[in-house]
Amino acid sequence: MVTVTVKLPADIAAKIEAEARARHVPKSVLIRDSLQQRYAPLPASRKKHPAPTIFDRTRHLAGSVRLAPRDLSSNKKHLEGLGA
């Protein structure tokens, strides 16, 4: 195993200490278990249906601006004066 040193806010450290005492386990076990749960491989159901992308969530907005030129993002004349 690799050793990692982390600075924690006092309130979180106190919660970990209390939980470790209540469970009669070292603090490192609690922290390791929490990290293993957080970074565990995705379940098969989640792999089949990944979280929606930002495009998936905003798809209904695509093309909703009627007053803009159709080639706004591709025609360089619309980009003059923008950026450095």
C-alpha atoms as a PDB file:
ATOM      1  CA  MET A   1       0.000   0.000   0.000  1.00  0.00           C
ATOM      2  CA  VAL A   2       0.970   3.593  -0.579  1.00  0.00           C
ATOM      3  CA  THR A   3       0.988   6.087   2.280  1.00  0.00           C
ATOM      4  CA  VAL A   4      -0.828   9.385   1.675  1.00  0.00           C
ATOM      5  CA  THR A   5      -0.852  12.342   4.048  1.00  0.00           C
ATOM      6  CA  VAL A   6      -3.916  14.586   3.980  1.00  0.00           C
ATOM      7  CA  LYS A   7      -4.821  17.711   5.941  1.00  0.00           C
ATOM      8  CA  LEU A   8      -8.464  17.756   7.027  1.00  0.00           C
ATOM      9  CA  PRO A   9     -10.655  20.427   8.562  1.00  0.00           C
ATOM     10  CA  ALA A  10     -10.980  19.910  12.311  1.00  0.00           C
ATOM     11  CA  ASP A  11     -14.718  19.122  12.141  1.00  0.00           C
ATOM     12  CA  ILE A  12     -14.223  16.308   9.604  1.00  0.00           C
ATOM     13  CA  ALA A  13     -11.279  14.910  11.546  1.00  0.00           C
ATOM     14  CA  ALA A  14     -13.427  14.868  14.707  1.00  0.00           C
ATOM     15  CA  LYS A  15     -16.228  13.010  12.883  1.00  0.00           C
ATOM     16  CA  ILE A  16     -13.770  10.410  11.585  1.00  0.00           C
ATOM     17  CA  GLU A  17     -12.278  10.007  15.055  1.00  0.00           C
ATOM     18  CA  ALA A  18     -15.714   9.527  16.642  1.00  0.00           C
ATOM     19  CA  GLU A  19     -16.822   7.042  13.970  1.00  0.00           C
ATOM     20  CA  ALA A  20     -13.603   5.048  14.338  1.00  0.00           C
ATOM     21  CA  ARG A  21     -14.049   4.878  18.114  1.00  0.00           C
ATOM     22  CA  ALA A  22     -17.693   3.813  17.753  1.00  0.00           C
ATOM     23  CA  ARG A  23     -16.795   1.031  15.300  1.00  0.00           C
ATOM     24  CA  HIS A  24     -13.589   0.036  17.115  1.00  0.00           C
ATOM     25  CA  VAL A  25     -11.506   0.361  13.932  1.00  0.00           C
ATOM     26  CA  PRO A  26      -8.549   2.558  12.997  1.00  0.00           C
ATOM     27  CA  LYS A  27      -9.256   5.845  11.233  1.00  0.00           C
ATOM     28  CA  SER A  28      -7.303   4.596   8.234  1.00  0.00           C
ATOM     29  CA  VAL A  29      -9.810   1.762   7.764  1.00  0.00           C
ATOM     30  CA  LEU A  30     -12.730   4.224   7.653  1.00  0.00           C
ATOM     31  CA  ILE A  31     -10.961   6.496   5.212  1.00  0.00           C
ATOM     32  CA  ARG A  32      -9.805   3.597   3.011  1.00  0.00           C
ATOM     33  CA  ASP A  33     -13.334   2.113   2.935  1.00  0.00           C
ATOM     34  CA  SER A  34     -14.827   5.484   2.005  1.00  0.00           C
ATOM     35  CA  LEU A  35     -12.335   5.951  -0.823  1.00  0.00           C
ATOM     36  CA  GLN A  36     -12.906   2.412  -2.083  1.00  0.00           C
ATOM     37  CA  GLN A  37     -16.666   3.032  -2.210  1.00  0.00           C
ATOM     38  CA  ARG A  38     -16.169   6.362  -3.962  1.00  0.00           C
ATOM     39  CA  TYR A  39     -13.808   4.998  -6.602  1.00  0.00           C
ATOM     40  CA  ALA A  40     -15.286   1.516  -7.006  1.00  0.00           C
ATOM     41  CA  PRO A  41     -15.910   0.379 -10.592  1.00  0.00           C
ATOM     42  CA  LEU A  42     -19.273   1.416 -11.999  1.00  0.00           C
ATOM     43  CA  PRO A  43     -21.995  -1.222 -11.776  1.00  0.00           C
ATOM     44  CA  ALA A  44     -22.963  -2.838 -15.085  1.00  0.00           C
ATOM     45  CA  SER A  45     -26.301  -0.985 -15.124  1.00  0.00           C
ATOM     46  CA  ARG A  46     -24.498   2.358 -14.923  1.00  0.00           C
ATOM     47  CA  LYS A  47     -22.109   1.402 -17.737  1.00  0.00           C
ATOM     48  CA  LYS A  48     -25.053   0.656 -20.026  1.00  0.00           C
ATOM     49  CA  HIS A  49     -26.739   3.944 -19.156  1.00  0.00           C
ATOM     50  CA  PRO A  50     -24.036   6.511 -18.426  1.00  0.00           C
ATOM     51  CA  ALA A  51     -24.889   9.880 -16.932  1.00  0.00           C
ATOM     52  CA  PRO A  52     -26.255  12.314 -19.524  1.00  0.00           C
ATOM     53  CA  THR A  53     -23.821  14.739 -21.104  1.00  0.00           C
ATOM     54  CA  ILE A  54     -24.335  18.498 -21.088  1.00  0.00           C
ATOM     55  CA  PHE A  55     -25.442  18.195 -24.725  1.00  0.00           C
ATOM     56  CA  ASP A  56     -28.042  15.591 -23.758  1.00  0.00           C
ATOM     57  CA  ARG A  57     -29.411  17.984 -21.152  1.00  0.00           C
ATOM     58  CA  THR A  58     -29.473  21.021 -23.464  1.00  0.00           C
ATOM     59  CA  ARG A  59     -30.324  19.351 -26.792  1.00  0.00           C
ATOM     60  CA  HIS A  60     -33.720  21.073 -26.843  1.00  0.00           C
ATOM     61  CA  LEU A  61     -31.945  24.455 -26.931  1.00  0.00           C
ATOM     62  CA  ALA A  62     -29.920  23.704 -30.093  1.00  0.00           C
ATOM     63  CA  GLY A  63     -31.171  25.937 -32.904  1.00  0.00           C
ATOM     64  CA  SER A  64     -33.503  27.850 -30.643  1.00  0.00           C
ATOM     65  CA  VAL A  65     -31.935  31.257 -31.398  1.00  0.00           C
ATOM     66  CA  ARG A  66     -33.795  32.480 -34.498  1.00  0.00           C
ATOM     67  CA  LEU A  67     -32.130  35.869 -34.958  1.00  0.00           C
ATOM     68  CA  ALA A  68     -28.541  34.605 -35.259  1.00  0.00           C
ATOM     69  CA  PRO A  69     -26.920  33.845 -38.633  1.00  0.00           C
ATOM     70  CA  ARG A  70     -26.929  30.130 -39.530  1.00  0.00           C
ATOM     71  CA  ASP A  71     -23.116  30.123 -39.951  1.00  0.00           C
ATOM     72  CA  LEU A  72     -22.337  32.026 -36.748  1.00  0.00           C
ATOM     73  CA  SER A  73     -19.767  29.526 -35.462  1.00  0.00           C
ATOM     74  CA  SER A  74     -18.108  28.697 -38.776  1.00  0.00           C
ATOM     75  CA  ASN A  75     -17.958  31.940 -40.788  1.00  0.00           C
ATOM     76  CA  LYS A  76     -14.836  33.912 -39.916  1.00  0.00           C
ATOM     77  CA  LYS A  77     -16.488  37.266 -40.684  1.00  0.00           C
ATOM     78  CA  HIS A  78     -18.698  36.756 -37.604  1.00  0.00           C
ATOM     79  CA  LEU A  79     -15.618  36.132 -35.467  1.00  0.00           C
ATOM     80  CA  GLU A  80     -13.710  39.302 -36.393  1.00  0.00           C
ATOM     81  CA  GLY A  81     -12.727  41.339 -33.361  1.00  0.00           C
ATOM     82  CA  LEU A  82     -13.209  38.439 -30.934  1.00  0.00           C
ATOM     83  CA  GLY A  83     -10.330  37.023 -28.929  1.00  0.00           C
ATOM     84  CA  ALA A  84      -6.734  38.118 -29.081  1.00  0.00           C
END
